[in-house]
Amino acid sequence: MKSQDTKTQDIERHVGQRIRERRTMLGLTQQQLADLIGVTYQQAHKYERGINRVSAGRLYELARVLSVDVGFFFERIDDAETETLPARQRMCLDLARNFARIRDERQQEALAQLTRILADKEETEGLG
């Protein structure tokens, strides 16, 4: 039985979005992901867009290739904010993609440290 708030179509889109997030975080292209799971680029694209349903076996394979538990694809599925975050999610994906492109490990560490400092500053200012 379907949840009152979540339609099957919404679940397909959410799973696809999580696939795309993880792929991007790992610095993989859609073609590379497609090759790893044995499908065409077009099929991988349709999975990420939620156009085609991902079978249980394929989802297991995706989890293995992307180094996550199958449950990762369903995290935050009931979160009401999921539908209102596309711009922020794009920004996070862009940040992850660009971070992965930085080859100098010292620069990566400097950027990671900067984000920690900014996050800590926000947290302490919020308490004051």
N, C-alpha and C. Protein backbone atom coordinates (compact mmCIF):
# COMPACT_ATOMS: atom_id res chain seq x y z
N MET A 1 0.83 -1.18 0.00
CA MET A 1 0.00 0.00 0.00
C MET A 1 0.88 1.25 0.00
N LYS A 2 0.52 2.25 -0.77
CA LYS A 2 1.31 3.48 -0.89
C LYS A 2 1.09 4.37 0.32
N SER A 3 2.14 5.09 0.68
CA SER A 3 2.03 6.11 1.71
C SER A 3 1.13 7.22 1.19
N GLN A 4 0.44 7.87 2.09
CA GLN A 4 -0.45 8.96 1.68
C GLN A 4 0.32 10.08 1.01
N ASP A 5 1.53 10.34 1.47
CA ASP A 5 2.31 11.48 0.98
C ASP A 5 3.27 11.14 -0.15
N THR A 6 3.60 9.88 -0.31
CA THR A 6 4.63 9.51 -1.26
C THR A 6 4.07 8.60 -2.34
N LYS A 7 4.13 9.06 -3.57
CA LYS A 7 3.70 8.25 -4.70
C LYS A 7 4.88 7.45 -5.23
N THR A 8 4.58 6.36 -5.89
CA THR A 8 5.62 5.52 -6.48
C THR A 8 6.52 6.34 -7.39
N GLN A 9 5.94 7.20 -8.18
CA GLN A 9 6.70 8.05 -9.10
C GLN A 9 7.69 8.94 -8.34
N ASP A 10 7.26 9.46 -7.19
CA ASP A 10 8.14 10.29 -6.38
C ASP A 10 9.31 9.48 -5.83
N ILE A 11 9.03 8.23 -5.49
CA ILE A 11 10.09 7.35 -4.98
C ILE A 11 11.11 7.09 -6.07
N GLU A 12 10.65 6.84 -7.28
CA GLU A 12 11.57 6.60 -8.41
C GLU A 12 12.48 7.81 -8.62
N ARG A 13 11.91 9.01 -8.56
CA ARG A 13 12.71 10.22 -8.72
C ARG A 13 13.71 10.39 -7.58
N HIS A 14 13.26 10.08 -6.36
CA HIS A 14 14.14 10.22 -5.20
C HIS A 14 15.32 9.26 -5.31
N VAL A 15 15.05 8.00 -5.65
CA VAL A 15 16.12 7.01 -5.81
C VAL A 15 17.09 7.46 -6.90
N GLY A 16 16.55 7.93 -8.01
CA GLY A 16 17.40 8.43 -9.09
C GLY A 16 18.27 9.59 -8.66
N GLN A 17 17.69 10.47 -7.88
CA GLN A 17 18.43 11.63 -7.38
C GLN A 17 19.57 11.19 -6.47
N ARG A 18 19.31 10.19 -5.64
CA ARG A 18 20.34 9.68 -4.73
C ARG A 18 21.46 8.99 -5.52
N ILE A 19 21.09 8.28 -6.60
CA ILE A 19 22.10 7.66 -7.47
C ILE A 19 23.00 8.74 -8.04
N ARG A 20 22.37 9.80 -8.56
CA ARG A 20 23.14 10.90 -9.16
C ARG A 20 24.03 11.58 -8.13
N GLU A 21 23.51 11.83 -6.92
CA GLU A 21 24.30 12.47 -5.87
C GLU A 21 25.56 11.66 -5.58
N ARG A 22 25.39 10.35 -5.39
CA ARG A 22 26.51 9.51 -5.03
C ARG A 22 27.51 9.41 -6.19
N ARG A 23 27.00 9.24 -7.40
CA ARG A 23 27.87 9.17 -8.57
C ARG A 23 28.72 10.42 -8.67
N THR A 24 28.09 11.56 -8.50
CA THR A 24 28.79 12.84 -8.59
C THR A 24 29.82 12.99 -7.48
N MET A 25 29.45 12.58 -6.28
CA MET A 25 30.39 12.66 -5.16
C MET A 25 31.64 11.82 -5.41
N LEU A 26 31.47 10.73 -6.13
CA LEU A 26 32.61 9.87 -6.45
C LEU A 26 33.38 10.33 -7.69
N GLY A 27 32.86 11.37 -8.35
CA GLY A 27 33.53 11.91 -9.53
C GLY A 27 33.36 11.06 -10.78
N LEU A 28 32.29 10.26 -10.83
CA LEU A 28 32.03 9.41 -11.99
C LEU A 28 31.10 10.11 -12.98
N THR A 29 31.31 9.85 -14.26
CA THR A 29 30.37 10.33 -15.26
C THR A 29 29.24 9.31 -15.39
N GLN A 30 28.16 9.71 -16.05
CA GLN A 30 27.07 8.76 -16.27
C GLN A 30 27.57 7.58 -17.11
N GLN A 31 28.43 7.85 -18.08
CA GLN A 31 28.97 6.77 -18.92
C GLN A 31 29.79 5.80 -18.09
N GLN A 32 30.61 6.31 -17.19
CA GLN A 32 31.42 5.42 -16.35
C GLN A 32 30.52 4.56 -15.47
N LEU A 33 29.49 5.16 -14.89
CA LEU A 33 28.56 4.40 -14.06
C LEU A 33 27.86 3.33 -14.90
N ALA A 34 27.41 3.71 -16.07
CA ALA A 34 26.74 2.77 -16.97
C ALA A 34 27.65 1.58 -17.26
N ASP A 35 28.91 1.86 -17.56
CA ASP A 35 29.87 0.78 -17.85
C ASP A 35 30.04 -0.14 -16.64
N LEU A 36 30.09 0.45 -15.45
CA LEU A 36 30.29 -0.34 -14.23
C LEU A 36 29.12 -1.27 -13.92
N ILE A 37 27.91 -0.85 -14.29
CA ILE A 37 26.74 -1.68 -13.97
C ILE A 37 26.20 -2.42 -15.19
N GLY A 38 26.86 -2.26 -16.34
CA GLY A 38 26.51 -3.01 -17.52
C GLY A 38 25.24 -2.58 -18.24
N VAL A 39 25.01 -1.25 -18.27
CA VAL A 39 23.87 -0.72 -19.02
C VAL A 39 24.36 0.38 -19.96
N THR A 40 23.49 0.87 -20.81
CA THR A 40 23.85 1.96 -21.70
C THR A 40 23.83 3.28 -20.93
N TYR A 41 24.49 4.26 -21.52
CA TYR A 41 24.47 5.61 -20.96
C TYR A 41 23.02 6.09 -20.83
N GLN A 42 22.21 5.83 -21.85
CA GLN A 42 20.82 6.29 -21.85
C GLN A 42 20.05 5.67 -20.69
N GLN A 43 20.30 4.39 -20.41
CA GLN A 43 19.61 3.73 -19.31
C GLN A 43 20.03 4.33 -17.97
N ALA A 44 21.32 4.57 -17.79
CA ALA A 44 21.80 5.19 -16.55
C ALA A 44 21.16 6.57 -16.38
N HIS A 45 21.06 7.31 -17.47
CA HIS A 45 20.44 8.63 -17.43
C HIS A 45 18.97 8.51 -16.99
N LYS A 46 18.27 7.54 -17.54
CA LYS A 46 16.85 7.35 -17.19
C LYS A 46 16.68 6.92 -15.74
N TYR A 47 17.62 6.13 -15.22
CA TYR A 47 17.57 5.78 -13.80
C TYR A 47 17.69 7.03 -12.94
N GLU A 48 18.67 7.87 -13.28
CA GLU A 48 18.91 9.08 -12.48
C GLU A 48 17.76 10.07 -12.55
N ARG A 49 17.07 10.12 -13.65
CA ARG A 49 15.94 11.04 -13.80
C ARG A 49 14.65 10.46 -13.21
N GLY A 50 14.68 9.18 -12.84
CA GLY A 50 13.49 8.55 -12.30
C GLY A 50 12.50 8.18 -13.38
N ILE A 51 12.94 8.18 -14.63
CA ILE A 51 12.07 7.84 -15.75
C ILE A 51 11.85 6.33 -15.80
N ASN A 52 12.94 5.57 -15.62
CA ASN A 52 12.84 4.11 -15.58
C ASN A 52 13.03 3.61 -14.16
N ARG A 53 12.23 2.67 -13.79
CA ARG A 53 12.31 2.05 -12.47
C ARG A 53 13.57 1.20 -12.37
N VAL A 54 14.22 1.24 -11.23
CA VAL A 54 15.42 0.45 -10.98
C VAL A 54 15.00 -0.85 -10.30
N SER A 55 15.33 -1.98 -10.91
CA SER A 55 14.97 -3.27 -10.32
C SER A 55 15.78 -3.51 -9.05
N ALA A 56 15.33 -4.45 -8.24
CA ALA A 56 16.02 -4.78 -6.99
C ALA A 56 17.45 -5.23 -7.26
N GLY A 57 17.63 -6.07 -8.26
CA GLY A 57 18.97 -6.55 -8.59
C GLY A 57 19.88 -5.43 -9.05
N ARG A 58 19.34 -4.54 -9.87
CA ARG A 58 20.13 -3.41 -10.38
C ARG A 58 20.45 -2.45 -9.23
N LEU A 59 19.51 -2.25 -8.32
CA LEU A 59 19.75 -1.37 -7.18
C LEU A 59 20.86 -1.94 -6.29
N TYR A 60 20.86 -3.24 -6.12
CA TYR A 60 21.93 -3.90 -5.36
C TYR A 60 23.28 -3.67 -6.05
N GLU A 61 23.31 -3.82 -7.37
CA GLU A 61 24.53 -3.60 -8.13
C GLU A 61 24.99 -2.15 -8.03
N LEU A 62 24.06 -1.22 -8.12
CA LEU A 62 24.40 0.20 -7.97
C LEU A 62 25.00 0.47 -6.59
N ALA A 63 24.40 -0.11 -5.56
CA ALA A 63 24.90 0.08 -4.20
C ALA A 63 26.33 -0.45 -4.09
N ARG A 64 26.58 -1.59 -4.68
CA ARG A 64 27.92 -2.19 -4.63
C ARG A 64 28.94 -1.30 -5.35
N VAL A 65 28.59 -0.87 -6.55
CA VAL A 65 29.50 -0.05 -7.36
C VAL A 65 29.73 1.32 -6.71
N LEU A 66 28.71 1.87 -6.09
CA LEU A 66 28.82 3.21 -5.48
C LEU A 66 29.26 3.15 -4.02
N SER A 67 29.53 1.94 -3.52
CA SER A 67 30.03 1.73 -2.15
C SER A 67 29.11 2.29 -1.08
N VAL A 68 27.83 1.98 -1.20
CA VAL A 68 26.85 2.37 -0.19
C VAL A 68 25.93 1.18 0.11
N ASP A 69 25.20 1.26 1.21
CA ASP A 69 24.16 0.27 1.50
C ASP A 69 22.97 0.58 0.62
N VAL A 70 22.17 -0.41 0.31
CA VAL A 70 20.97 -0.21 -0.50
C VAL A 70 20.06 0.84 0.15
N GLY A 71 20.02 0.85 1.46
CA GLY A 71 19.19 1.81 2.18
C GLY A 71 19.55 3.26 1.90
N PHE A 72 20.78 3.51 1.45
CA PHE A 72 21.21 4.87 1.12
C PHE A 72 20.26 5.53 0.14
N PHE A 73 19.76 4.76 -0.83
CA PHE A 73 18.91 5.31 -1.87
C PHE A 73 17.54 5.76 -1.35
N PHE A 74 17.18 5.27 -0.16
CA PHE A 74 15.87 5.61 0.40
C PHE A 74 15.96 6.58 1.58
N GLU A 75 17.17 6.96 1.95
CA GLU A 75 17.33 7.93 3.05
C GLU A 75 16.63 9.23 2.70
N ARG A 76 16.00 9.83 3.70
CA ARG A 76 15.30 11.12 3.59
C ARG A 76 14.09 11.06 2.66
N ILE A 77 13.59 9.87 2.35
CA ILE A 77 12.48 9.76 1.41
C ILE A 77 11.19 10.37 1.97
N ASP A 78 11.02 10.32 3.27
CA ASP A 78 9.81 10.87 3.86
C ASP A 78 9.99 12.31 4.34
N ASP A 79 11.18 12.84 4.11
CA ASP A 79 11.48 14.21 4.53
C ASP A 79 10.69 15.20 3.68
N ALA A 80 9.87 15.99 4.30
CA ALA A 80 9.04 16.95 3.57
C ALA A 80 9.88 17.97 2.82
N GLU A 81 11.11 18.20 3.27
CA GLU A 81 11.96 19.20 2.61
C GLU A 81 12.56 18.69 1.31
N THR A 82 12.52 17.39 1.06
CA THR A 82 13.15 16.82 -0.14
C THR A 82 12.71 17.52 -1.40
N GLU A 83 11.44 17.83 -1.52
CA GLU A 83 10.93 18.46 -2.74
C GLU A 83 11.34 19.93 -2.85
N THR A 84 11.71 20.56 -1.74
CA THR A 84 12.01 21.99 -1.77
C THR A 84 13.51 22.29 -1.83
N LEU A 85 14.34 21.29 -2.01
CA LEU A 85 15.77 21.50 -1.97
C LEU A 85 16.52 21.42 -3.30
N PRO A 86 15.87 21.42 -4.45
CA PRO A 86 16.64 21.17 -5.67
C PRO A 86 17.79 22.15 -5.91
N ALA A 87 17.62 23.44 -5.65
CA ALA A 87 18.70 24.41 -5.89
C ALA A 87 19.87 24.13 -4.95
N ARG A 88 19.57 23.85 -3.69
CA ARG A 88 20.62 23.56 -2.72
C ARG A 88 21.33 22.25 -3.08
N GLN A 89 20.57 21.25 -3.53
CA GLN A 89 21.17 19.98 -3.92
C GLN A 89 22.08 20.16 -5.13
N ARG A 90 21.64 20.97 -6.08
CA ARG A 90 22.50 21.24 -7.24
C ARG A 90 23.81 21.89 -6.80
N MET A 91 23.71 22.83 -5.86
CA MET A 91 24.89 23.50 -5.36
C MET A 91 25.83 22.50 -4.66
N CYS A 92 25.27 21.60 -3.87
CA CYS A 92 26.08 20.59 -3.19
C CYS A 92 26.73 19.64 -4.18
N LEU A 93 25.99 19.23 -5.19
CA LEU A 93 26.55 18.36 -6.23
C LEU A 93 27.66 19.06 -6.98
N ASP A 94 27.46 20.34 -7.29
CA ASP A 94 28.48 21.11 -7.99
C ASP A 94 29.73 21.23 -7.12
N LEU A 95 29.54 21.47 -5.84
CA LEU A 95 30.66 21.57 -4.91
C LEU A 95 31.43 20.25 -4.86
N ALA A 96 30.70 19.14 -4.75
CA ALA A 96 31.35 17.83 -4.70
C ALA A 96 32.09 17.53 -6.00
N ARG A 97 31.48 17.85 -7.12
CA ARG A 97 32.09 17.60 -8.43
C ARG A 97 33.39 18.40 -8.56
N ASN A 98 33.34 19.67 -8.21
CA ASN A 98 34.53 20.52 -8.33
C ASN A 98 35.61 20.12 -7.33
N PHE A 99 35.20 19.73 -6.12
CA PHE A 99 36.17 19.28 -5.12
C PHE A 99 36.92 18.06 -5.64
N ALA A 100 36.20 17.13 -6.26
CA ALA A 100 36.82 15.90 -6.78
C ALA A 100 37.80 16.21 -7.91
N ARG A 101 37.62 17.33 -8.59
CA ARG A 101 38.50 17.71 -9.69
C ARG A 101 39.81 18.32 -9.21
N ILE A 102 39.88 18.75 -7.95
CA ILE A 102 41.11 19.33 -7.41
C ILE A 102 42.10 18.19 -7.19
N ARG A 103 43.24 18.28 -7.83
CA ARG A 103 44.23 17.20 -7.77
C ARG A 103 45.21 17.36 -6.60
N ASP A 104 45.43 18.58 -6.17
CA ASP A 104 46.38 18.85 -5.10
C ASP A 104 45.73 18.53 -3.75
N GLU A 105 46.25 17.51 -3.07
CA GLU A 105 45.67 17.10 -1.78
C GLU A 105 45.75 18.19 -0.72
N ARG A 106 46.79 19.02 -0.77
CA ARG A 106 46.90 20.13 0.20
C ARG A 106 45.77 21.14 -0.03
N GLN A 107 45.45 21.40 -1.28
CA GLN A 107 44.35 22.32 -1.58
C GLN A 107 43.02 21.73 -1.15
N GLN A 108 42.85 20.41 -1.36
CA GLN A 108 41.62 19.76 -0.90
C GLN A 108 41.49 19.86 0.62
N GLU A 109 42.57 19.61 1.32
CA GLU A 109 42.54 19.68 2.78
C GLU A 109 42.27 21.12 3.24
N ALA A 110 42.85 22.11 2.58
CA ALA A 110 42.61 23.50 2.93
C ALA A 110 41.14 23.86 2.76
N LEU A 111 40.55 23.39 1.66
CA LEU A 111 39.14 23.65 1.41
C LEU A 111 38.26 22.95 2.45
N ALA A 112 38.60 21.72 2.79
CA ALA A 112 37.85 20.98 3.81
C ALA A 112 37.94 21.70 5.16
N GLN A 113 39.14 22.19 5.48
CA GLN A 113 39.32 22.91 6.74
C GLN A 113 38.52 24.21 6.74
N LEU A 114 38.51 24.92 5.62
CA LEU A 114 37.73 26.15 5.50
C LEU A 114 36.25 25.89 5.76
N THR A 115 35.71 24.81 5.18
CA THR A 115 34.29 24.52 5.39
C THR A 115 34.01 24.18 6.85
N ARG A 116 34.94 23.46 7.50
CA ARG A 116 34.75 23.16 8.92
C ARG A 116 34.74 24.44 9.75
N ILE A 117 35.66 25.35 9.46
CA ILE A 117 35.75 26.62 10.19
C ILE A 117 34.47 27.43 10.01
N LEU A 118 34.01 27.53 8.76
CA LEU A 118 32.77 28.28 8.49
C LEU A 118 31.56 27.65 9.17
N ALA A 119 31.48 26.32 9.14
CA ALA A 119 30.37 25.63 9.79
C ALA A 119 30.41 25.84 11.29
N ASP A 120 31.60 25.74 11.89
CA ASP A 120 31.73 25.96 13.33
C ASP A 120 31.36 27.39 13.70
N LYS A 121 31.76 28.35 12.85
CA LYS A 121 31.43 29.76 13.10
C LYS A 121 29.92 29.96 13.09
N GLU A 122 29.24 29.39 12.10
CA GLU A 122 27.78 29.48 12.01
C GLU A 122 27.13 28.90 13.26
N GLU A 123 27.65 27.76 13.72
CA GLU A 123 27.09 27.07 14.87
C GLU A 123 27.25 27.91 16.14
N THR A 124 28.44 28.48 16.34
CA THR A 124 28.66 29.27 17.54
C THR A 124 27.93 30.60 17.52
N GLU A 125 27.79 31.19 16.33
CA GLU A 125 27.02 32.43 16.22
C GLU A 125 25.54 32.17 16.47
N GLY A 126 25.07 31.00 16.07
CA GLY A 126 23.68 30.66 16.28
C GLY A 126 23.35 30.46 17.75
N LEU A 127 24.36 30.08 18.54
CA LEU A 127 24.14 29.86 19.97
C LEU A 127 24.18 31.16 20.76
N GLY A 128 24.84 32.17 20.21
CA GLY A 128 25.05 33.42 20.95
C GLY A 128 23.99 34.38 20.85
